[in-house]
C-alpha atoms as a PDB file:
ATOM      1  CA  UNK A   1      -5.456  -2.456  22.378  1.00  0.00           C
ATOM      2  CA  UNK A   2      -5.011   1.005  20.921  1.00  0.00           C
ATOM      3  CA  UNK A   3      -7.863   3.016  21.447  1.00  0.00           C
ATOM      4  CA  UNK A   4      -6.604   6.173  19.914  1.00  0.00           C
ATOM      5  CA  UNK A   5      -7.785   7.226  16.293  1.00  0.00           C
ATOM      6  CA  UNK A   6      -6.067   9.892  15.076  1.00  0.00           C
ATOM      7  CA  UNK A   7      -4.237   9.685  11.433  1.00  0.00           C
ATOM      8  CA  UNK A   8      -1.052  11.560  12.641  1.00  0.00           C
ATOM      9  CA  UNK A   9      -0.635   9.259  15.776  1.00  0.00           C
ATOM     10  CA  UNK A  10      -1.832   5.829  14.288  1.00  0.00           C
ATOM     11  CA  UNK A  11       0.907   6.272  11.674  1.00  0.00           C
ATOM     12  CA  UNK A  12       3.649   7.502  14.183  1.00  0.00           C
ATOM     13  CA  UNK A  13       2.575   4.360  16.191  1.00  0.00           C
ATOM     14  CA  UNK A  14       2.899   1.472  13.527  1.00  0.00           C
ATOM     15  CA  UNK A  15       6.009   3.668  12.291  1.00  0.00           C
ATOM     16  CA  UNK A  16       7.886   2.885  16.038  1.00  0.00           C
ATOM     17  CA  UNK A  17       6.995  -0.672  15.268  1.00  0.00           C
ATOM     18  CA  UNK A  18       7.756  -1.068  12.247  1.00  0.00           C
ATOM     19  CA  UNK A  19      11.292   0.556  13.333  1.00  0.00           C
ATOM     20  CA  UNK A  20      11.335  -2.215  16.550  1.00  0.00           C
ATOM     21  CA  UNK A  21      11.150  -5.159  14.248  1.00  0.00           C
ATOM     22  CA  UNK A  22       7.161  -5.570  15.153  1.00  0.00           C
ATOM     23  CA  UNK A  23       4.217  -7.233  13.361  1.00  0.00           C
ATOM     24  CA  UNK A  24       1.424  -4.404  12.677  1.00  0.00           C
ATOM     25  CA  UNK A  25      -2.136  -5.641  11.113  1.00  0.00           C
ATOM     26  CA  UNK A  26      -2.912  -2.360   8.793  1.00  0.00           C
ATOM     27  CA  UNK A  27      -5.653  -1.871   6.403  1.00  0.00           C
ATOM     28  CA  UNK A  28      -5.509  -2.266   2.474  1.00  0.00           C
ATOM     29  CA  UNK A  29      -6.337  -1.254  -1.510  1.00  0.00           C
ATOM     30  CA  UNK A  30      -7.087  -4.574  -1.042  1.00  0.00           C
ATOM     31  CA  UNK A  31      -7.683  -6.745   1.657  1.00  0.00           C
ATOM     32  CA  UNK A  32      -6.313  -5.890   5.381  1.00  0.00           C
ATOM     33  CA  UNK A  33      -1.881  -8.030   5.685  1.00  0.00           C
ATOM     34  CA  UNK A  34       0.369  -8.075   8.109  1.00  0.00           C
ATOM     35  CA  UNK A  35       3.144  -6.449   6.861  1.00  0.00           C
ATOM     36  CA  UNK A  36       6.255  -5.169   8.911  1.00  0.00           C
ATOM     37  CA  UNK A  37       9.555  -4.300   7.364  1.00  0.00           C
ATOM     38  CA  UNK A  38      10.875  -5.457   4.572  1.00  0.00           C
ATOM     39  CA  UNK A  39      14.688  -5.547   5.077  1.00  0.00           C
ATOM     40  CA  UNK A  40      14.152  -7.321   8.400  1.00  0.00           C
ATOM     41  CA  UNK A  41      14.430 -11.378   7.922  1.00  0.00           C
ATOM     42  CA  UNK A  42      13.145 -11.741  12.278  1.00  0.00           C
ATOM     43  CA  UNK A  43      10.640 -10.009  11.427  1.00  0.00           C
ATOM     44  CA  UNK A  44       9.890 -11.557   8.327  1.00  0.00           C
ATOM     45  CA  UNK A  45      10.170 -15.478   9.715  1.00  0.00           C
ATOM     46  CA  UNK A  46       7.580 -13.905  12.969  1.00  0.00           C
ATOM     47  CA  UNK A  47       4.807 -13.426   9.845  1.00  0.00           C
ATOM     48  CA  UNK A  48       5.703 -17.037   8.349  1.00  0.00           C
ATOM     49  CA  UNK A  49       5.214 -18.234  11.921  1.00  0.00           C
ATOM     50  CA  UNK A  50       2.296 -16.434  12.756  1.00  0.00           C
ATOM     51  CA  UNK A  51       0.990 -18.008   8.738  1.00  0.00           C
ATOM     52  CA  UNK A  52       2.096 -21.256   9.442  1.00  0.00           C
ATOM     53  CA  UNK A  53       3.373 -20.585   5.889  1.00  0.00           C
ATOM     54  CA  UNK A  54       6.120 -22.397   4.601  1.00  0.00           C
ATOM     55  CA  UNK A  55       8.671 -20.275   3.516  1.00  0.00           C
ATOM     56  CA  UNK A  56       9.089 -22.048  -0.345  1.00  0.00           C
ATOM     57  CA  UNK A  57       6.746 -18.893  -0.970  1.00  0.00           C
ATOM     58  CA  UNK A  58       7.548 -15.368  -1.304  1.00  0.00           C
ATOM     59  CA  UNK A  59       5.207 -12.885   0.404  1.00  0.00           C
ATOM     60  CA  UNK A  60       4.115  -9.930  -2.192  1.00  0.00           C
ATOM     61  CA  UNK A  61       5.684  -6.243  -0.623  1.00  0.00           C
ATOM     62  CA  UNK A  62       4.303  -2.625  -0.725  1.00  0.00           C
ATOM     63  CA  UNK A  63       5.733   0.457  -2.788  1.00  0.00           C
ATOM     64  CA  UNK A  64       4.961   4.051  -2.969  1.00  0.00           C
ATOM     65  CA  UNK A  65       6.151   4.774  -5.786  1.00  0.00           C
ATOM     66  CA  UNK A  66       8.499   3.171  -8.999  1.00  0.00           C
ATOM     67  CA  UNK A  67      11.090   5.151  -7.219  1.00  0.00           C
ATOM     68  CA  UNK A  68      11.669   3.175  -3.753  1.00  0.00           C
ATOM     69  CA  UNK A  69      11.291  -0.318  -6.710  1.00  0.00           C
ATOM     70  CA  UNK A  70      13.932   0.208  -7.992  1.00  0.00           C
ATOM     71  CA  UNK A  71      16.226   0.679  -4.652  1.00  0.00           C
ATOM     72  CA  UNK A  72      15.843  -3.074  -4.186  1.00  0.00           C
ATOM     73  CA  UNK A  73      15.861  -4.675  -8.417  1.00  0.00           C
ATOM     74  CA  UNK A  74      18.329  -4.770 -10.417  1.00  0.00           C
ATOM     75  CA  UNK A  75      16.848  -3.444 -13.807  1.00  0.00           C
ATOM     76  CA  UNK A  76      12.560  -2.434 -13.699  1.00  0.00           C
ATOM     77  CA  UNK A  77      12.086  -3.802 -17.097  1.00  0.00           C
ATOM     78  CA  UNK A  78      10.407  -0.811 -19.182  1.00  0.00           C
ATOM     79  CA  UNK A  79       6.979  -2.568 -19.605  1.00  0.00           C
ATOM     80  CA  UNK A  80       6.898  -2.319 -15.862  1.00  0.00           C
ATOM     81  CA  UNK A  81       6.759   1.593 -16.194  1.00  0.00           C
ATOM     82  CA  UNK A  82       4.265   1.955 -18.576  1.00  0.00           C
ATOM     83  CA  UNK A  83       1.860  -0.547 -16.204  1.00  0.00           C
ATOM     84  CA  UNK A  84       2.124   1.786 -13.203  1.00  0.00           C
ATOM     85  CA  UNK A  85       1.638   4.281 -15.378  1.00  0.00           C
ATOM     86  CA  UNK A  86      -1.456   3.791 -16.516  1.00  0.00           C
ATOM     87  CA  UNK A  87      -2.946   0.442 -14.146  1.00  0.00           C
ATOM     88  CA  UNK A  88      -6.815   0.870 -12.626  1.00  0.00           C
ATOM     89  CA  UNK A  89      -6.801  -0.872 -10.112  1.00  0.00           C
ATOM     90  CA  UNK A  90      -4.883  -3.551  -7.356  1.00  0.00           C
ATOM     91  CA  UNK A  91      -1.650  -5.076  -9.683  1.00  0.00           C
ATOM     92  CA  UNK A  92       1.550  -6.535  -7.836  1.00  0.00           C
ATOM     93  CA  UNK A  93       3.911  -6.610 -10.264  1.00  0.00           C
ATOM     94  CA  UNK A  94       6.893  -9.694  -9.719  1.00  0.00           C
ATOM     95  CA  UNK A  95      10.279  -8.745 -10.829  1.00  0.00           C
ATOM     96  CA  UNK A  96      13.024 -10.884 -12.003  1.00  0.00           C
ATOM     97  CA  UNK A  97      16.428  -9.375 -10.043  1.00  0.00           C
ATOM     98  CA  UNK A  98      16.048  -8.579  -6.559  1.00  0.00           C
ATOM     99  CA  UNK A  99      18.316  -7.074  -4.417  1.00  0.00           C
ATOM    100  CA  UNK A 100      19.101  -9.116  -1.481  1.00  0.00           C
ATOM    101  CA  UNK A 101      20.485  -9.111   1.705  1.00  0.00           C
ATOM    102  CA  UNK A 102      23.967 -11.154   2.332  1.00  0.00           C
ATOM    103  CA  UNK A 103      23.235 -11.454   5.957  1.00  0.00           C
ATOM    104  CA  UNK A 104      25.513 -14.657   6.996  1.00  0.00           C
ATOM    105  CA  UNK A 105      28.189 -14.164   4.041  1.00  0.00           C
ATOM    106  CA  UNK A 106      28.564 -13.276   1.140  1.00  0.00           C
ATOM    107  CA  UNK A 107      26.527 -15.671  -1.792  1.00  0.00           C
ATOM    108  CA  UNK A 108      24.653 -16.952   0.713  1.00  0.00           C
ATOM    109  CA  UNK A 109      21.672 -17.329   2.808  1.00  0.00           C
ATOM    110  CA  UNK A 110      20.979 -17.621   6.575  1.00  0.00           C
ATOM    111  CA  UNK A 111      20.830 -20.563   8.696  1.00  0.00           C
ATOM    112  CA  UNK A 112      17.376 -21.967   7.537  1.00  0.00           C
ATOM    113  CA  UNK A 113      16.833 -19.883   4.411  1.00  0.00           C
ATOM    114  CA  UNK A 114      14.884 -21.667   1.650  1.00  0.00           C
ATOM    115  CA  UNK A 115      17.526 -24.123  -1.045  1.00  0.00           C
ATOM    116  CA  UNK A 116      17.966 -21.611  -3.530  1.00  0.00           C
ATOM    117  CA  UNK A 117      17.582 -18.406  -2.332  1.00  0.00           C
ATOM    118  CA  UNK A 118      21.537 -17.865  -1.412  1.00  0.00           C
ATOM    119  CA  UNK A 119      22.287 -18.712  -5.770  1.00  0.00           C
ATOM    120  CA  UNK A 120      21.502 -14.919  -6.457  1.00  0.00           C
ATOM    121  CA  UNK A 121      23.902 -13.084  -7.966  1.00  0.00           C
ATOM    122  CA  UNK A 122      22.143  -9.480  -6.585  1.00  0.00           C
ATOM    123  CA  UNK A 123      22.923 -10.586  -2.528  1.00  0.00           C
ATOM    124  CA  UNK A 124      24.344  -7.178  -1.330  1.00  0.00           C
ATOM    125  CA  UNK A 125      24.699  -6.188   2.155  1.00  0.00           C
ATOM    126  CA  UNK A 126      21.465  -3.878   0.764  1.00  0.00           C
ATOM    127  CA  UNK A 127      17.972  -5.354   0.259  1.00  0.00           C
ATOM    128  CA  UNK A 128      14.971  -7.093   1.126  1.00  0.00           C
ATOM    129  CA  UNK A 129      15.513  -9.804   3.704  1.00  0.00           C
ATOM    130  CA  UNK A 130      16.413 -13.165   1.515  1.00  0.00           C
ATOM    131  CA  UNK A 131      12.469 -15.292   2.761  1.00  0.00           C
ATOM    132  CA  UNK A 132      10.777 -12.082   0.558  1.00  0.00           C
ATOM    133  CA  UNK A 133      12.347 -12.928  -2.155  1.00  0.00           C
ATOM    134  CA  UNK A 134      11.194 -16.354  -4.408  1.00  0.00           C
ATOM    135  CA  UNK A 135      13.515 -19.674  -5.350  1.00  0.00           C
ATOM    136  CA  UNK A 136      14.218 -17.980  -8.338  1.00  0.00           C
ATOM    137  CA  UNK A 137      14.907 -14.094  -7.685  1.00  0.00           C
ATOM    138  CA  UNK A 138      12.663 -12.416  -8.572  1.00  0.00           C
ATOM    139  CA  UNK A 139       9.926 -10.597  -5.863  1.00  0.00           C
ATOM    140  CA  UNK A 140       6.216  -9.189  -5.970  1.00  0.00           C
ATOM    141  CA  UNK A 141       5.567  -5.617  -5.367  1.00  0.00           C
ATOM    142  CA  UNK A 142       2.419  -3.382  -5.574  1.00  0.00           C
ATOM    143  CA  UNK A 143       2.050  -0.032  -5.048  1.00  0.00           C
ATOM    144  CA  UNK A 144      -1.472   0.700  -3.762  1.00  0.00           C
ATOM    145  CA  UNK A 145      -3.317   2.894  -5.773  1.00  0.00           C
ATOM    146  CA  UNK A 146      -5.598   5.952  -4.176  1.00  0.00           C
ATOM    147  CA  UNK A 147      -8.064   5.367  -7.425  1.00  0.00           C
ATOM    148  CA  UNK A 148      -7.814   4.790 -11.152  1.00  0.00           C
ATOM    149  CA  UNK A 149      -7.163   8.115 -13.779  1.00  0.00           C
ATOM    150  CA  UNK A 150      -8.768  10.159 -16.170  1.00  0.00           C
ATOM    151  CA  UNK A 151      -7.905  13.411 -17.619  1.00  0.00           C
ATOM    152  CA  UNK A 152     -10.229  16.170 -18.013  1.00  0.00           C
ATOM    153  CA  UNK A 153     -11.026  18.696 -20.690  1.00  0.00           C
ATOM    154  CA  UNK A 154      -7.827  21.137 -19.418  1.00  0.00           C
ATOM    155  CA  UNK A 155      -5.364  18.246 -19.086  1.00  0.00           C
ATOM    156  CA  UNK A 156      -5.198  16.965 -15.875  1.00  0.00           C
ATOM    157  CA  UNK A 157      -4.770  14.096 -14.308  1.00  0.00           C
ATOM    158  CA  UNK A 158      -7.785  13.441 -11.911  1.00  0.00           C
ATOM    159  CA  UNK A 159      -8.991  10.511 -10.036  1.00  0.00           C
ATOM    160  CA  UNK A 160     -11.967   8.437 -11.331  1.00  0.00           C
ATOM    161  CA  UNK A 161     -12.826   6.152  -9.109  1.00  0.00           C
ATOM    162  CA  UNK A 162     -13.583   6.536  -4.924  1.00  0.00           C
ATOM    163  CA  UNK A 163     -10.904   7.044  -3.343  1.00  0.00           C
ATOM    164  CA  UNK A 164      -8.582   3.882  -1.647  1.00  0.00           C
ATOM    165  CA  UNK A 165      -8.555   4.656   2.234  1.00  0.00           C
ATOM    166  CA  UNK A 166      -5.926   2.257   2.207  1.00  0.00           C
ATOM    167  CA  UNK A 167      -4.422   2.417  -0.174  1.00  0.00           C
ATOM    168  CA  UNK A 168      -3.797   6.392   1.213  1.00  0.00           C
ATOM    169  CA  UNK A 169      -2.554   5.325   4.403  1.00  0.00           C
ATOM    170  CA  UNK A 170      -0.043   2.406   3.293  1.00  0.00           C
ATOM    171  CA  UNK A 171       1.428   5.625   0.540  1.00  0.00           C
ATOM    172  CA  UNK A 172       1.487   7.383   4.159  1.00  0.00           C
ATOM    173  CA  UNK A 173       3.376   5.067   6.155  1.00  0.00           C
ATOM    174  CA  UNK A 174       5.375   3.012   3.680  1.00  0.00           C
ATOM    175  CA  UNK A 175       7.282   7.219   2.468  1.00  0.00           C
ATOM    176  CA  UNK A 176       7.815   7.863   6.215  1.00  0.00           C
ATOM    177  CA  UNK A 177       8.782   3.810   6.257  1.00  0.00           C
ATOM    178  CA  UNK A 178      11.578   4.768   3.356  1.00  0.00           C
ATOM    179  CA  UNK A 179      11.126   0.976   2.080  1.00  0.00           C
ATOM    180  CA  UNK A 180       9.560  -1.299   1.332  1.00  0.00           C
ATOM    181  CA  UNK A 181       6.346  -2.587   3.291  1.00  0.00           C
ATOM    182  CA  UNK A 182       5.189  -6.563   3.665  1.00  0.00           C
ATOM    183  CA  UNK A 183       2.115  -7.344   3.240  1.00  0.00           C
ATOM    184  CA  UNK A 184       0.801 -11.247   3.199  1.00  0.00           C
ATOM    185  CA  UNK A 185      -2.967 -11.328   4.174  1.00  0.00           C
ATOM    186  CA  UNK A 186      -3.906 -11.924   7.527  1.00  0.00           C
ATOM    187  CA  UNK A 187      -5.436 -15.431   7.419  1.00  0.00           C
ATOM    188  CA  UNK A 188      -4.465 -18.515   8.878  1.00  0.00           C
ATOM    189  CA  UNK A 189      -2.932 -20.237   5.488  1.00  0.00           C
ATOM    190  CA  UNK A 190      -4.828 -22.353   3.885  1.00  0.00           C
ATOM    191  CA  UNK A 191      -7.896 -20.102   5.010  1.00  0.00           C
ATOM    192  CA  UNK A 192      -9.902 -17.120   3.495  1.00  0.00           C
ATOM    193  CA  UNK A 193      -8.413 -14.429   3.668  1.00  0.00           C
ATOM    194  CA  UNK A 194     -11.072 -11.783   5.482  1.00  0.00           C
ATOM    195  CA  UNK A 195     -12.723  -9.300   3.828  1.00  0.00           C
ATOM    196  CA  UNK A 196     -12.819  -6.791   6.128  1.00  0.00           C
ATOM    197  CA  UNK A 197     -11.682  -6.028   9.461  1.00  0.00           C
ATOM    198  CA  UNK A 198     -14.451  -8.387  11.907  1.00  0.00           C
ATOM    199  CA  UNK A 199     -13.494 -11.541   9.820  1.00  0.00           C
ATOM    200  CA  UNK A 200      -9.736 -11.677  11.105  1.00  0.00           C
ATOM    201  CA  UNK A 201      -9.213 -14.573  12.706  1.00  0.00           C
ATOM    202  CA  UNK A 202      -8.864 -13.686  17.020  1.00  0.00           C
ATOM    203  CA  UNK A 203      -5.409 -15.630  16.678  1.00  0.00           C
ATOM    204  CA  UNK A 204      -4.376 -13.011  14.126  1.00  0.00           C
ATOM    205  CA  UNK A 205      -5.179 -10.395  15.618  1.00  0.00           C
ATOM    206  CA  UNK A 206      -3.149 -11.665  18.945  1.00  0.00           C
ATOM    207  CA  UNK A 207      -0.247 -12.072  16.781  1.00  0.00           C
ATOM    208  CA  UNK A 208       0.817  -8.858  16.195  1.00  0.00           C
ATOM    209  CA  UNK A 209       2.390  -6.122  17.782  1.00  0.00           C
ATOM    210  CA  UNK A 210      -0.137  -2.861  16.610  1.00  0.00           C
ATOM    211  CA  UNK A 211      -3.718  -3.616  15.144  1.00  0.00           C
ATOM    212  CA  UNK A 212      -4.184  -0.140  13.185  1.00  0.00           C
ATOM    213  CA  UNK A 213      -7.478   1.182  14.287  1.00  0.00           C
ATOM    214  CA  UNK A 214     -10.424  -0.447  11.538  1.00  0.00           C
ATOM    215  CA  UNK A 215     -11.540   3.845  10.742  1.00  0.00           C
ATOM    216  CA  UNK A 216      -9.797   6.323  11.508  1.00  0.00           C
ATOM    217  CA  UNK A 217     -10.573  10.460  12.023  1.00  0.00           C
ATOM    218  CA  UNK A 218      -8.151  12.954  10.174  1.00  0.00           C
ATOM    219  CA  UNK A 219      -6.936  11.203   7.034  1.00  0.00           C
ATOM    220  CA  UNK A 220      -7.307  13.471   3.866  1.00  0.00           C
ATOM    221  CA  UNK A 221      -8.201  11.681   1.121  1.00  0.00           C
ATOM    222  CA  UNK A 222      -7.185  12.861  -2.032  1.00  0.00           C
ATOM    223  CA  UNK A 223     -10.030  14.821  -4.939  1.00  0.00           C
ATOM    224  CA  UNK A 224      -7.105  17.218  -6.814  1.00  0.00           C
ATOM    225  CA  UNK A 225      -6.109  16.582 -10.158  1.00  0.00           C
ATOM    226  CA  UNK A 226      -1.762  16.432  -9.793  1.00  0.00           C
ATOM    227  CA  UNK A 227      -2.234  19.526 -10.461  1.00  0.00           C
ATOM    228  CA  UNK A 228      -3.749  21.042  -7.921  1.00  0.00           C
ATOM    229  CA  UNK A 229      -7.113  22.041  -9.194  1.00  0.00           C
ATOM    230  CA  UNK A 230     -10.001  20.008  -8.402  1.00  0.00           C
ATOM    231  CA  UNK A 231     -11.496  16.887 -10.614  1.00  0.00           C
ATOM    232  CA  UNK A 232     -14.248  17.089 -12.542  1.00  0.00           C
ATOM    233  CA  UNK A 233     -16.837  15.183 -10.050  1.00  0.00           C
ATOM    234  CA  UNK A 234     -14.747  18.019  -6.944  1.00  0.00           C
ATOM    235  CA  UNK A 235     -15.477  20.436  -9.323  1.00  0.00           C
ATOM    236  CA  UNK A 236     -19.186  20.005 -10.549  1.00  0.00           C
ATOM    237  CA  UNK A 237     -20.328  18.947  -6.525  1.00  0.00           C
ATOM    238  CA  UNK A 238     -18.913  22.451  -5.709  1.00  0.00           C
ATOM    239  CA  UNK A 239     -20.590  24.287  -8.497  1.00  0.00           C
ATOM    240  CA  UNK A 240     -24.165  22.584  -7.342  1.00  0.00           C
ATOM    241  CA  UNK A 241     -23.932  23.548  -3.626  1.00  0.00           C
ATOM    242  CA  UNK A 242     -22.335  26.669  -4.615  1.00  0.00           C
ATOM    243  CA  UNK A 243     -25.781  27.409  -7.142  1.00  0.00           C
ATOM    244  CA  UNK A 244     -28.156  26.074  -3.941  1.00  0.00           C
ATOM    245  CA  UNK A 245     -26.375  27.608  -1.476  1.00  0.00           C
ATOM    246  CA  UNK A 246     -26.025  31.073  -3.519  1.00  0.00           C
ATOM    247  CA  UNK A 247     -28.336  34.108  -1.873  1.00  0.00           C
ATOM    248  CA  UNK A 248     -30.994  35.562  -4.775  1.00  0.00           C
ATOM    249  CA  UNK A 249     -30.453  39.037  -5.084  1.00  0.00           C
ATOM    250  CA  UNK A 250     -26.725  39.172  -2.116  1.00  0.00           C
ATOM    251  CA  UNK A 251     -26.059  42.096  -0.329  1.00  0.00           C
ATOM    252  CA  UNK A 252     -22.350  43.824  -0.672  1.00  0.00           C
ATOM    253  CA  UNK A 253     -22.011  43.743   2.864  1.00  0.00           C
ATOM    254  CA  UNK A 254     -23.032  39.922   2.812  1.00  0.00           C
ATOM    255  CA  UNK A 255     -20.339  38.822  -0.046  1.00  0.00           C
ATOM    256  CA  UNK A 256     -17.716  36.368   2.158  1.00  0.00           C
ATOM    257  CA  UNK A 257     -14.614  35.085   0.945  1.00  0.00           C
ATOM    258  CA  UNK A 258     -14.196  31.151  -0.530  1.00  0.00           C
ATOM    259  CA  UNK A 259     -14.833  29.656   2.849  1.00  0.00           C
ATOM    260  CA  UNK A 260     -11.619  26.427   3.298  1.00  0.00           C
ATOM    261  CA  UNK A 261     -14.310  24.688   6.068  1.00  0.00           C
ATOM    262  CA  UNK A 262     -16.075  22.263   3.614  1.00  0.00           C
ATOM    263  CA  UNK A 263     -12.647  20.734   2.665  1.00  0.00           C
ATOM    264  CA  UNK A 264     -10.775  21.157   6.796  1.00  0.00           C
ATOM    265  CA  UNK A 265     -14.429  18.870   7.104  1.00  0.00           C
ATOM    266  CA  UNK A 266     -13.579  16.334   5.203  1.00  0.00           C
ATOM    267  CA  UNK A 267     -10.396  15.985   6.533  1.00  0.00           C
ATOM    268  CA  UNK A 268     -11.466  15.886  10.336  1.00  0.00           C
ATOM    269  CA  UNK A 269     -14.575  13.922   9.060  1.00  0.00           C
ATOM    270  CA  UNK A 270     -13.938   9.653  10.478  1.00  0.00           C
ATOM    271  CA  UNK A 271     -13.027   7.368   7.527  1.00  0.00           C
ATOM    272  CA  UNK A 272     -14.066   3.498   7.603  1.00  0.00           C
ATOM    273  CA  UNK A 273     -11.400   1.550   5.807  1.00  0.00           C
ATOM    274  CA  UNK A 274     -13.484  -1.134   4.905  1.00  0.00           C
ATOM    275  CA  UNK A 275     -15.417   1.534   3.294  1.00  0.00           C
ATOM    276  CA  UNK A 276     -13.393   1.406   0.470  1.00  0.00           C
ATOM    277  CA  UNK A 277     -11.600  -0.902  -0.345  1.00  0.00           C
ATOM    278  CA  UNK A 278     -11.661  -4.080  -2.937  1.00  0.00           C
ATOM    279  CA  UNK A 279     -12.241  -6.718  -0.233  1.00  0.00           C
ATOM    280  CA  UNK A 280     -10.521  -9.095  -3.229  1.00  0.00           C
ATOM    281  CA  UNK A 281      -5.944  -9.992  -4.268  1.00  0.00           C
ATOM    282  CA  UNK A 282      -4.643  -8.011  -6.558  1.00  0.00           C
ATOM    283  CA  UNK A 283      -4.471  -8.795 -10.159  1.00  0.00           C
ATOM    284  CA  UNK A 284      -0.604 -10.521 -10.500  1.00  0.00           C
ATOM    285  CA  UNK A 285       1.281 -10.186 -13.420  1.00  0.00           C
ATOM    286  CA  UNK A 286       5.114 -11.211 -13.641  1.00  0.00           C
ATOM    287  CA  UNK A 287       7.930  -9.933 -16.358  1.00  0.00           C
ATOM    288  CA  UNK A 288      10.344 -11.051 -17.522  1.00  0.00           C
ATOM    289  CA  UNK A 289      13.976  -8.325 -18.412  1.00  0.00           C
ATOM    290  CA  UNK A 290      12.894  -8.804 -22.082  1.00  0.00           C
ATOM    291  CA  UNK A 291       9.294  -7.330 -21.627  1.00  0.00           C
ATOM    292  CA  UNK A 292       7.642 -11.495 -21.029  1.00  0.00           C
ATOM    293  CA  UNK A 293       4.081 -10.916 -18.794  1.00  0.00           C
ATOM    294  CA  UNK A 294       2.977 -13.946 -17.206  1.00  0.00           C
ATOM    295  CA  UNK A 295      -0.389 -13.822 -16.196  1.00  0.00           C
ATOM    296  CA  UNK A 296      -1.118 -15.437 -12.662  1.00  0.00           C
ATOM    297  CA  UNK A 297      -3.426 -14.588 -11.034  1.00  0.00           C
ATOM    298  CA  UNK A 298      -5.978 -12.139 -13.385  1.00  0.00           C
END
């Protein structure tokens, strides 16, 4: 069990395990998950074995942005762009036409793969592991959102809801991995999904190669708008703090330049992933190429 909790070390070690085909236990924006490189079929098979899950059930993947999604989907339905841009809660989108690896020869799936997965016309030497894709060629992918957004009086986008530390962690890790990450709940198939780290069974913990600590230090959580200005809440908090701390009649010699200490302190604070996770599965929407939307899970 790794005891180092610095976020940069944690990400580096998790990344090393993933690149070597290993499994990790990690926090997400919803519940704790079992993850692996979604393009590594051998690693994906280990996930199925650990969860005792039937291969006929495909797995949800995480991506850091739509650009990454586009590399593994033949054509992204236009409605998906709108859904991702306005989404303010964890949402998994099931896309049609996944790009799947050709593992055992053109037009064939690897030995032991579920029947039907070899029929996708999007099979290629580049793509997702066949076992993460459903029999109809679709795949569920979620982009973790750190928080919902709004628009302030200056027209800046800003984070409106509490930031999800798990989402921030996932996005940093996936960006470094440069490929989607498998994300399936950290439980044996058929058992309740753990809502927090202490609820994860010893069997699951023993079955992975790396466990992300339940709390880390140095994870800077966003409190700025996308343009770089503080969110309304941040500006209000800063103004209130300044008003309370401002001397009634400061002498010229006592005036100091604005300090970056508060931001540094925040970035070095210990963050518990369970404090900002939803503890619930995401909603799931299945899209068709012609704009059809099917609600799988509200």
